[in-house]
PDB file of all heavy atoms in Angstrom:
ATOM      1  N   PHE A   1      91.013  83.097 111.354  1.00  0.00           N
ATOM      2  CA  PHE A   1      92.085  84.060 111.022  1.00  0.00           C
ATOM      3  C   PHE A   1      92.944  83.550 109.899  1.00  0.00           C
ATOM      4  O   PHE A   1      93.362  84.285 109.015  1.00  0.00           O
ATOM      5  CB  PHE A   1      92.928  84.296 112.264  1.00  0.00           C
ATOM      6  CG  PHE A   1      94.055  85.263 111.935  1.00  0.00           C
ATOM      7  CD1 PHE A   1      93.837  86.526 111.473  1.00  0.00           C
ATOM      8  CD2 PHE A   1      95.369  84.822 112.146  1.00  0.00           C
ATOM      9  CE1 PHE A   1      94.915  87.399 111.217  1.00  0.00           C
ATOM     10  CE2 PHE A   1      96.417  85.666 111.857  1.00  0.00           C
ATOM     11  CZ  PHE A   1      96.215  86.946 111.417  1.00  0.00           C
ATOM     12  N   ARG A   2      93.221  82.293 109.925  1.00  0.00           N
ATOM     13  CA  ARG A   2      94.096  81.717 108.869  1.00  0.00           C
ATOM     14  C   ARG A   2      93.487  81.923 107.536  1.00  0.00           C
ATOM     15  O   ARG A   2      94.147  82.226 106.503  1.00  0.00           O
ATOM     16  CB  ARG A   2      94.373  80.257 109.125  1.00  0.00           C
ATOM     17  CG  ARG A   2      95.371  79.612 108.129  1.00  0.00           C
ATOM     18  CD  ARG A   2      95.619  78.134 108.490  1.00  0.00           C
ATOM     19  NE  ARG A   2      96.465  77.523 107.450  1.00  0.00           N
ATOM     20  CZ  ARG A   2      96.718  76.290 107.405  1.00  0.00           C
ATOM     21  NH1 ARG A   2      96.149  75.453 108.298  1.00  0.00           N
ATOM     22  NH2 ARG A   2      97.460  75.755 106.489  1.00  0.00           N
ATOM     23  N   ALA A   3      92.206  81.751 107.405  1.00  0.00           N
ATOM     24  CA  ALA A   3      91.548  81.916 106.133  1.00  0.00           C
ATOM     25  C   ALA A   3      91.652  83.349 105.613  1.00  0.00           C
ATOM     26  O   ALA A   3      91.845  83.644 104.467  1.00  0.00           O
ATOM     27  CB  ALA A   3      90.017  81.517 106.207  1.00  0.00           C
ATOM     28  N   ALA A   4      91.491  84.317 106.562  1.00  0.00           N
ATOM     29  CA  ALA A   4      91.597  85.668 106.176  1.00  0.00           C
ATOM     30  C   ALA A   4      93.045  86.057 105.750  1.00  0.00           C
ATOM     31  O   ALA A   4      93.205  86.805 104.739  1.00  0.00           O
ATOM     32  CB  ALA A   4      91.157  86.572 107.341  1.00  0.00           C
ATOM     33  N   VAL A   5      94.003  85.485 106.467  1.00  0.00           N
ATOM     34  CA  VAL A   5      95.388  85.834 106.145  1.00  0.00           C
ATOM     35  C   VAL A   5      95.793  85.194 104.755  1.00  0.00           C
ATOM     36  O   VAL A   5      96.445  85.828 103.951  1.00  0.00           O
ATOM     37  CB  VAL A   5      96.373  85.313 107.228  1.00  0.00           C
ATOM     38  CG1 VAL A   5      97.821  85.382 106.759  1.00  0.00           C
ATOM     39  CG2 VAL A   5      96.165  86.085 108.482  1.00  0.00           C
ATOM     40  N   VAL A   6      95.337  84.013 104.492  1.00  0.00           N
ATOM     41  CA  VAL A   6      95.625  83.394 103.201  1.00  0.00           C
ATOM     42  C   VAL A   6      94.963  84.169 102.090  1.00  0.00           C
ATOM     43  O   VAL A   6      95.601  84.450 101.034  1.00  0.00           O
ATOM     44  CB  VAL A   6      95.058  81.929 103.161  1.00  0.00           C
ATOM     45  CG1 VAL A   6      95.106  81.356 101.747  1.00  0.00           C
ATOM     46  CG2 VAL A   6      95.854  81.060 104.144  1.00  0.00           C
ATOM     47  N   LEU A   7      93.781  84.732 102.326  1.00  0.00           N
ATOM     48  CA  LEU A   7      93.120  85.499 101.322  1.00  0.00           C
ATOM     49  C   LEU A   7      93.937  86.739 101.025  1.00  0.00           C
ATOM     50  O   LEU A   7      94.164  87.100  99.859  1.00  0.00           O
ATOM     51  CB  LEU A   7      91.685  85.892 101.840  1.00  0.00           C
ATOM     52  CG  LEU A   7      90.929  86.883 100.943  1.00  0.00           C
ATOM     53  CD1 LEU A   7      90.609  86.315  99.585  1.00  0.00           C
ATOM     54  CD2 LEU A   7      89.632  87.283 101.633  1.00  0.00           C
ATOM     55  N   LEU A   8      94.358  87.467 102.073  1.00  0.00           N
ATOM     56  CA  LEU A   8      95.074  88.747 101.839  1.00  0.00           C
ATOM     57  C   LEU A   8      96.472  88.456 101.215  1.00  0.00           C
ATOM     58  O   LEU A   8      96.866  89.183 100.332  1.00  0.00           O
ATOM     59  CB  LEU A   8      95.270  89.459 103.171  1.00  0.00           C
ATOM     60  CG  LEU A   8      94.030  90.170 103.683  1.00  0.00           C
ATOM     61  CD1 LEU A   8      94.281  90.661 105.059  1.00  0.00           C
ATOM     62  CD2 LEU A   8      93.626  91.254 102.792  1.00  0.00           C
ATOM     63  N   SER A   9      97.139  87.402 101.687  1.00  0.00           N
ATOM     64  CA  SER A   9      98.514  87.158 101.222  1.00  0.00           C
ATOM     65  C   SER A   9      98.562  86.900  99.787  1.00  0.00           C
ATOM     66  O   SER A   9      99.568  87.044  99.058  1.00  0.00           O
ATOM     67  CB  SER A   9      99.122  86.032 102.016  1.00  0.00           C
ATOM     68  OG  SER A   9      99.208  86.308 103.364  1.00  0.00           O
ATOM     69  N   ALA A  10      97.483  86.363  99.227  1.00  0.00           N
ATOM     70  CA  ALA A  10      97.416  85.986  97.763  1.00  0.00           C
ATOM     71  C   ALA A  10      97.663  87.184  96.844  1.00  0.00           C
ATOM     72  O   ALA A  10      98.134  86.982  95.753  1.00  0.00           O
ATOM     73  CB  ALA A  10      96.132  85.341  97.463  1.00  0.00           C
ATOM     74  N   PHE A  11      97.374  88.355  97.333  1.00  0.00           N
ATOM     75  CA  PHE A  11      97.425  89.531  96.475  1.00  0.00           C
ATOM     76  C   PHE A  11      98.838  90.220  96.440  1.00  0.00           C
ATOM     77  O   PHE A  11      99.039  90.985  95.594  1.00  0.00           O
ATOM     78  CB  PHE A  11      96.383  90.506  96.858  1.00  0.00           C
ATOM     79  CG  PHE A  11      95.001  89.943  96.922  1.00  0.00           C
ATOM     80  CD1 PHE A  11      94.430  89.760  98.130  1.00  0.00           C
ATOM     81  CD2 PHE A  11      94.374  89.516  95.728  1.00  0.00           C
ATOM     82  CE1 PHE A  11      93.163  89.213  98.170  1.00  0.00           C
ATOM     83  CE2 PHE A  11      93.107  88.960  95.825  1.00  0.00           C
ATOM     84  CZ  PHE A  11      92.471  88.771  97.030  1.00  0.00           C
ATOM     85  N   VAL A  12      99.702  89.808  97.344  1.00  0.00           N
ATOM     86  CA  VAL A  12     101.013  90.432  97.415  1.00  0.00           C
ATOM     87  C   VAL A  12     101.908  89.812  96.339  1.00  0.00           C
ATOM     88  O   VAL A  12     102.784  90.479  95.801  1.00  0.00           O
ATOM     89  CB  VAL A  12     101.614  90.293  98.804  1.00  0.00           C
ATOM     90  CG1 VAL A  12     102.951  91.026  98.856  1.00  0.00           C
ATOM     91  CG2 VAL A  12     100.682  90.894  99.795  1.00  0.00           C
ATOM     92  N   VAL A  13     101.726  88.537  96.065  1.00  0.00           N
ATOM     93  CA  VAL A  13     102.582  87.891  95.108  1.00  0.00           C
ATOM     94  C   VAL A  13     102.298  88.363  93.699  1.00  0.00           C
ATOM     95  O   VAL A  13     101.114  88.501  93.320  1.00  0.00           O
ATOM     96  CB  VAL A  13     102.300  86.396  95.164  1.00  0.00           C
ATOM     97  CG1 VAL A  13     103.231  85.598  94.206  1.00  0.00           C
ATOM     98  CG2 VAL A  13     102.543  85.919  96.657  1.00  0.00           C
ATOM     99  N   GLN A  14     103.323  88.665  92.940  1.00  0.00           N
ATOM    100  CA  GLN A  14     103.259  89.092  91.593  1.00  0.00           C
ATOM    101  C   GLN A  14     102.360  90.283  91.340  1.00  0.00           C
ATOM    102  O   GLN A  14     101.572  90.319  90.412  1.00  0.00           O
ATOM    103  CB  GLN A  14     102.762  87.899  90.679  1.00  0.00           C
ATOM    104  CG  GLN A  14     103.706  86.722  90.730  1.00  0.00           C
ATOM    105  CD  GLN A  14     103.220  85.569  89.861  1.00  0.00           C
ATOM    106  OE1 GLN A  14     102.135  85.625  89.358  1.00  0.00           O
ATOM    107  NE2 GLN A  14     104.126  84.602  89.660  1.00  0.00           N
ATOM    108  N   ALA A  15     102.467  91.264  92.234  1.00  0.00           N
ATOM    109  CA  ALA A  15     101.654  92.483  92.003  1.00  0.00           C
ATOM    110  C   ALA A  15     102.353  93.226  90.871  1.00  0.00           C
ATOM    111  O   ALA A  15     103.478  93.685  91.015  1.00  0.00           O
ATOM    112  CB  ALA A  15     101.671  93.356  93.273  1.00  0.00           C
ATOM    113  N   PRO A  16     101.663  93.396  89.736  1.00  0.00           N
ATOM    114  CA  PRO A  16     102.289  94.075  88.604  1.00  0.00           C
ATOM    115  C   PRO A  16     102.494  95.573  88.875  1.00  0.00           C
ATOM    116  O   PRO A  16     101.757  96.163  89.598  1.00  0.00           O
ATOM    117  CB  PRO A  16     101.249  93.879  87.469  1.00  0.00           C
ATOM    118  CG  PRO A  16      99.971  93.692  88.160  1.00  0.00           C
ATOM    119  CD  PRO A  16     100.275  93.006  89.447  1.00  0.00           C
ATOM    120  N   PRO A  17     103.507  96.138  88.275  1.00  0.00           N
ATOM    121  CA  PRO A  17     103.799  97.576  88.507  1.00  0.00           C
ATOM    122  C   PRO A  17     102.681  98.433  87.915  1.00  0.00           C
ATOM    123  O   PRO A  17     102.087  98.074  86.857  1.00  0.00           O
ATOM    124  CB  PRO A  17     105.127  97.794  87.782  1.00  0.00           C
ATOM    125  CG  PRO A  17     105.229  96.707  86.716  1.00  0.00           C
ATOM    126  CD  PRO A  17     104.520  95.563  87.366  1.00  0.00           C
ATOM    127  N   ALA A  18     102.401  99.509  88.577  1.00  0.00           N
ATOM    128  CA  ALA A  18     101.353 100.438  88.070  1.00  0.00           C
ATOM    129  C   ALA A  18     101.852 101.158  86.832  1.00  0.00           C
ATOM    130  O   ALA A  18     103.021 101.416  86.649  1.00  0.00           O
ATOM    131  CB  ALA A  18     100.997 101.409  89.137  1.00  0.00           C
ATOM    132  N   VAL A  19     100.925 101.495  85.970  1.00  0.00           N
ATOM    133  CA  VAL A  19     101.293 102.239  84.786  1.00  0.00           C
ATOM    134  C   VAL A  19     100.667 103.597  84.803  1.00  0.00           C
ATOM    135  O   VAL A  19      99.553 103.774  85.303  1.00  0.00           O
ATOM    136  CB  VAL A  19     100.691 101.496  83.531  1.00  0.00           C
ATOM    137  CG1 VAL A  19     101.039 102.246  82.249  1.00  0.00           C
ATOM    138  CG2 VAL A  19     101.229 100.038  83.439  1.00  0.00           C
ATOM    139  N   GLY A  20     101.429 104.619  84.380  1.00  0.00           N
ATOM    140  CA  GLY A  20     100.906 105.979  84.355  1.00  0.00           C
ATOM    141  C   GLY A  20     101.530 106.804  85.402  1.00  0.00           C
ATOM    142  O   GLY A  20     102.139 106.278  86.411  1.00  0.00           O
ATOM    143  N   HIS A  21     101.318 108.041  85.335  1.00  0.00           N
ATOM    144  CA  HIS A  21     101.877 108.979  86.353  1.00  0.00           C
ATOM    145  C   HIS A  21     101.048 110.223  86.357  1.00  0.00           C
ATOM    146  O   HIS A  21     100.171 110.461  85.535  1.00  0.00           O
ATOM    147  CB  HIS A  21     103.359 109.306  86.012  1.00  0.00           C
ATOM    148  CG  HIS A  21     103.496 110.055  84.681  1.00  0.00           C
ATOM    149  ND1 HIS A  21     103.598 109.419  83.520  1.00  0.00           N
ATOM    150  CD2 HIS A  21     103.551 111.346  84.420  1.00  0.00           C
ATOM    151  CE1 HIS A  21     103.748 110.237  82.536  1.00  0.00           C
ATOM    152  NE2 HIS A  21     103.702 111.501  83.058  1.00  0.00           N
ATOM    153  N   LEU A  22     101.306 111.029  87.349  1.00  0.00           N
ATOM    154  CA  LEU A  22     100.560 112.196  87.621  1.00  0.00           C
ATOM    155  C   LEU A  22     101.500 113.350  87.844  1.00  0.00           C
ATOM    156  O   LEU A  22     102.365 113.232  88.641  1.00  0.00           O
ATOM    157  CB  LEU A  22      99.609 112.062  88.826  1.00  0.00           C
ATOM    158  CG  LEU A  22      98.832 113.294  89.277  1.00  0.00           C
ATOM    159  CD1 LEU A  22      97.817 113.703  88.204  1.00  0.00           C
ATOM    160  CD2 LEU A  22      98.121 113.064  90.538  1.00  0.00           C
ATOM    161  N   ILE A  23     101.342 114.410  87.024  1.00  0.00           N
ATOM    162  CA  ILE A  23     102.192 115.564  87.294  1.00  0.00           C
ATOM    163  C   ILE A  23     101.232 116.762  87.610  1.00  0.00           C
ATOM    164  O   ILE A  23     100.322 117.002  86.799  1.00  0.00           O
ATOM    165  CB  ILE A  23     103.031 115.931  86.037  1.00  0.00           C
ATOM    166  CG1 ILE A  23     103.972 114.770  85.800  1.00  0.00           C
ATOM    167  CG2 ILE A  23     103.799 117.212  86.258  1.00  0.00           C
ATOM    168  CD1 ILE A  23     104.847 114.938  84.546  1.00  0.00           C
ATOM    169  N   ARG A  24     101.432 117.439  88.691  1.00  0.00           N
ATOM    170  CA  ARG A  24     100.539 118.520  89.140  1.00  0.00           C
ATOM    171  C   ARG A  24     101.292 119.879  89.057  1.00  0.00           C
ATOM    172  O   ARG A  24     102.460 119.920  89.366  1.00  0.00           O
ATOM    173  CB  ARG A  24     100.067 118.313  90.588  1.00  0.00           C
ATOM    174  CG  ARG A  24      99.151 117.184  90.786  1.00  0.00           C
ATOM    175  CD  ARG A  24      98.579 117.231  92.149  1.00  0.00           C
ATOM    176  NE  ARG A  24      97.859 118.447  92.407  1.00  0.00           N
ATOM    177  CZ  ARG A  24      98.351 119.506  93.109  1.00  0.00           C
ATOM    178  NH1 ARG A  24      99.541 119.463  93.597  1.00  0.00           N
ATOM    179  NH2 ARG A  24      97.625 120.595  93.295  1.00  0.00           N
ATOM    180  N   LEU A  25     100.546 120.825  88.664  1.00  0.00           N
ATOM    181  CA  LEU A  25     100.996 122.254  88.700  1.00  0.00           C
ATOM    182  C   LEU A  25     100.006 123.060  89.466  1.00  0.00           C
ATOM    183  O   LEU A  25      98.850 122.640  89.600  1.00  0.00           O
ATOM    184  CB  LEU A  25     101.119 122.739  87.243  1.00  0.00           C
ATOM    185  CG  LEU A  25     102.201 122.164  86.374  1.00  0.00           C
ATOM    186  CD1 LEU A  25     102.072 122.729  84.930  1.00  0.00           C
ATOM    187  CD2 LEU A  25     103.590 122.486  86.905  1.00  0.00           C
ATOM    188  N   PRO A  26     100.368 124.171  90.064  1.00  0.00           N
ATOM    189  CA  PRO A  26      99.406 125.059  90.733  1.00  0.00           C
ATOM    190  C   PRO A  26      98.263 125.369  89.844  1.00  0.00           C
ATOM    191  O   PRO A  26      98.489 125.555  88.610  1.00  0.00           O
ATOM    192  CB  PRO A  26     100.220 126.262  91.096  1.00  0.00           C
ATOM    193  CG  PRO A  26     101.641 125.775  91.188  1.00  0.00           C
ATOM    194  CD  PRO A  26     101.727 124.708  90.130  1.00  0.00           C
ATOM    195  N   ARG A  27      97.067 125.505  90.397  1.00  0.00           N
ATOM    196  CA  ARG A  27      95.903 125.766  89.579  1.00  0.00           C
ATOM    197  C   ARG A  27      96.003 127.099  88.743  1.00  0.00           C
ATOM    198  O   ARG A  27      95.478 127.196  87.673  1.00  0.00           O
ATOM    199  CB  ARG A  27      94.686 125.850  90.526  1.00  0.00           C
ATOM    200  CG  ARG A  27      93.348 125.891  89.758  1.00  0.00           C
ATOM    201  CD  ARG A  27      92.181 125.765  90.676  1.00  0.00           C
ATOM    202  NE  ARG A  27      92.184 124.501  91.346  1.00  0.00           N
ATOM    203  CZ  ARG A  27      91.866 124.386  92.695  1.00  0.00           C
ATOM    204  NH1 ARG A  27      91.473 125.359  93.408  1.00  0.00           N
ATOM    205  NH2 ARG A  27      91.823 123.150  93.243  1.00  0.00           N
ATOM    206  N   GLY A  28      96.752 128.069  89.297  1.00  0.00           N
ATOM    207  CA  GLY A  28      96.854 129.300  88.648  1.00  0.00           C
ATOM    208  C   GLY A  28      97.912 129.304  87.553  1.00  0.00           C
ATOM    209  O   GLY A  28      98.094 130.298  86.857  1.00  0.00           O
ATOM    210  N   PHE A  29      98.653 128.180  87.372  1.00  0.00           N
ATOM    211  CA  PHE A  29      99.724 128.108  86.407  1.00  0.00           C
ATOM    212  C   PHE A  29      99.180 128.023  85.016  1.00  0.00           C
ATOM    213  O   PHE A  29      98.248 127.276  84.706  1.00  0.00           O
ATOM    214  CB  PHE A  29     100.622 126.898  86.752  1.00  0.00           C
ATOM    215  CG  PHE A  29     101.885 126.881  85.924  1.00  0.00           C
ATOM    216  CD1 PHE A  29     103.002 127.543  86.425  1.00  0.00           C
ATOM    217  CD2 PHE A  29     101.901 126.272  84.720  1.00  0.00           C
ATOM    218  CE1 PHE A  29     104.192 127.510  85.674  1.00  0.00           C
ATOM    219  CE2 PHE A  29     103.098 126.253  83.981  1.00  0.00           C
ATOM    220  CZ  PHE A  29     104.200 126.849  84.458  1.00  0.00           C
ATOM    221  N   ARG A  30      99.751 128.782  84.085  1.00  0.00           N
ATOM    222  CA  ARG A  30      99.366 128.705  82.667  1.00  0.00           C
ATOM    223  C   ARG A  30     100.595 128.617  81.799  1.00  0.00           C
ATOM    224  O   ARG A  30     101.535 129.410  82.020  1.00  0.00           O
ATOM    225  CB  ARG A  30      98.537 129.947  82.245  1.00  0.00           C
ATOM    226  CG  ARG A  30      97.204 130.089  82.955  1.00  0.00           C
ATOM    227  CD  ARG A  30      96.258 129.004  82.508  1.00  0.00           C
ATOM    228  NE  ARG A  30      94.976 129.157  83.170  1.00  0.00           N
ATOM    229  CZ  ARG A  30      94.667 128.660  84.348  1.00  0.00           C
ATOM    230  NH1 ARG A  30      95.502 127.997  85.016  1.00  0.00           N
ATOM    231  NH2 ARG A  30      93.438 128.848  84.837  1.00  0.00           N
ATOM    232  N   LEU A  31     100.672 127.747  80.884  1.00  0.00           N
ATOM    233  CA  LEU A  31     101.778 127.555  80.019  1.00  0.00           C
ATOM    234  C   LEU A  31     101.703 128.612  78.861  1.00  0.00           C
ATOM    235  O   LEU A  31     101.260 128.314  77.789  1.00  0.00           O
ATOM    236  CB  LEU A  31     101.854 126.165  79.441  1.00  0.00           C
ATOM    237  CG  LEU A  31     102.141 125.077  80.467  1.00  0.00           C
ATOM    238  CD1 LEU A  31     102.054 123.680  79.840  1.00  0.00           C
ATOM    239  CD2 LEU A  31     103.497 125.275  81.029  1.00  0.00           C
ATOM    240  N   SER A  32     102.133 129.840  79.165  1.00  0.00           N
ATOM    241  CA  SER A  32     102.135 130.874  78.165  1.00  0.00           C
ATOM    242  C   SER A  32     103.343 131.755  78.424  1.00  0.00           C
ATOM    243  O   SER A  32     103.891 131.804  79.481  1.00  0.00           O
ATOM    244  CB  SER A  32     100.844 131.718  78.233  1.00  0.00           C
ATOM    245  OG  SER A  32     100.750 132.438  79.458  1.00  0.00           O
ATOM    246  N   LYS A  33     103.714 132.569  77.401  1.00  0.00           N
ATOM    247  CA  LYS A  33     104.904 133.348  77.493  1.00  0.00           C
ATOM    248  C   LYS A  33     104.726 134.429  78.503  1.00  0.00           C
ATOM    249  O   LYS A  33     105.650 134.871  79.171  1.00  0.00           O
ATOM    250  CB  LYS A  33     105.241 133.952  76.106  1.00  0.00           C
ATOM    251  CG  LYS A  33     105.642 132.928  75.144  1.00  0.00           C
ATOM    252  CD  LYS A  33     105.995 133.615  73.812  1.00  0.00           C
ATOM    253  CE  LYS A  33     106.436 132.587  72.779  1.00  0.00           C
ATOM    254  NZ  LYS A  33     106.741 133.215  71.464  1.00  0.00           N
ATOM    255  N   ASP A  34     103.461 134.895  78.737  1.00  0.00           N
ATOM    256  CA  ASP A  34     103.271 135.996  79.695  1.00  0.00           C
ATOM    257  C   ASP A  34     103.583 135.623  81.122  1.00  0.00           C
ATOM    258  O   ASP A  34     103.935 136.441  81.930  1.00  0.00           O
ATOM    259  CB  ASP A  34     101.772 136.463  79.612  1.00  0.00           C
ATOM    260  CG  ASP A  34     101.455 137.208  78.303  1.00  0.00           C
ATOM    261  OD1 ASP A  34     102.462 137.698  77.700  1.00  0.00           O
ATOM    262  OD2 ASP A  34     100.306 137.281  77.909  1.00  0.00           O
ATOM    263  N   VAL A  35     103.442 134.298  81.408  1.00  0.00           N
ATOM    264  CA  VAL A  35     103.739 133.850  82.765  1.00  0.00           C
ATOM    265  C   VAL A  35     105.242 134.029  83.093  1.00  0.00           C
ATOM    266  O   VAL A  35     105.638 134.240  84.208  1.00  0.00           O
ATOM    267  CB  VAL A  35     103.341 132.379  82.942  1.00  0.00           C
ATOM    268  CG1 VAL A  35     103.715 131.816  84.323  1.00  0.00           C
ATOM    269  CG2 VAL A  35     101.805 132.226  82.791  1.00  0.00           C
ATOM    270  N   LEU A  36     106.051 133.886  82.129  1.00  0.00           N
ATOM    271  CA  LEU A  36     107.501 133.927  82.276  1.00  0.00           C
ATOM    272  C   LEU A  36     108.086 135.348  82.433  1.00  0.00           C
ATOM    273  O   LEU A  36     109.221 135.467  82.774  1.00  0.00           O
ATOM    274  CB  LEU A  36     108.224 133.219  81.109  1.00  0.00           C
ATOM    275  CG  LEU A  36     107.762 131.738  80.893  1.00  0.00           C
ATOM    276  CD1 LEU A  36     108.447 131.208  79.658  1.00  0.00           C
ATOM    277  CD2 LEU A  36     108.016 130.894  82.084  1.00  0.00           C
ATOM    278  N   LYS A  37     107.286 136.342  82.178  1.00  0.00           N
ATOM    279  CA  LYS A  37     107.740 137.729  82.308  1.00  0.00           C
ATOM    280  C   LYS A  37     106.682 138.555  83.094  1.00  0.00           C
ATOM    281  O   LYS A  37     105.477 138.515  82.744  1.00  0.00           O
ATOM    282  CB  LYS A  37     107.962 138.344  80.881  1.00  0.00           C
ATOM    283  CG  LYS A  37     109.037 137.684  80.115  1.00  0.00           C
ATOM    284  CD  LYS A  37     109.220 138.337  78.750  1.00  0.00           C
ATOM    285  CE  LYS A  37     110.206 137.574  77.976  1.00  0.00           C
ATOM    286  NZ  LYS A  37     111.476 138.173  77.794  1.00  0.00           N
ATOM    287  N   ILE A  38     107.139 139.230  84.093  1.00  0.00           N
ATOM    288  CA  ILE A  38     106.226 139.996  84.946  1.00  0.00           C
ATOM    289  C   ILE A  38     106.574 141.486  84.907  1.00  0.00           C
ATOM    290  O   ILE A  38     107.729 141.815  85.100  1.00  0.00           O
ATOM    291  CB  ILE A  38     106.294 139.486  86.389  1.00  0.00           C
ATOM    292  CG1 ILE A  38     105.928 137.976  86.444  1.00  0.00           C
ATOM    293  CG2 ILE A  38     105.463 140.337  87.344  1.00  0.00           C
ATOM    294  CD1 ILE A  38     106.094 137.399  87.784  1.00  0.00           C
ATOM    295  N   VAL A  39     105.586 142.258  84.606  1.00  0.00           N
ATOM    296  CA  VAL A  39     105.789 143.721  84.495  1.00  0.00           C
ATOM    297  C   VAL A  39     105.345 144.409  85.801  1.00  0.00           C
ATOM    298  O   VAL A  39     104.574 143.826  86.565  1.00  0.00           O
ATOM    299  CB  VAL A  39     105.048 144.331  83.300  1.00  0.00           C
ATOM    300  CG1 VAL A  39     105.608 143.756  82.005  1.00  0.00           C
ATOM    301  CG2 VAL A  39     103.527 144.134  83.457  1.00  0.00           C
TER     302      VAL A  39
END
């Protein structure tokens, strides 16, 4: 068990921050002027 714990613990130190992000919109969403006005 000690070997396994040492192995896992090694990855917590100095974990660099993740880069990038994700922005989601509904699948039906379209960036057009018609979406902003509904007749």
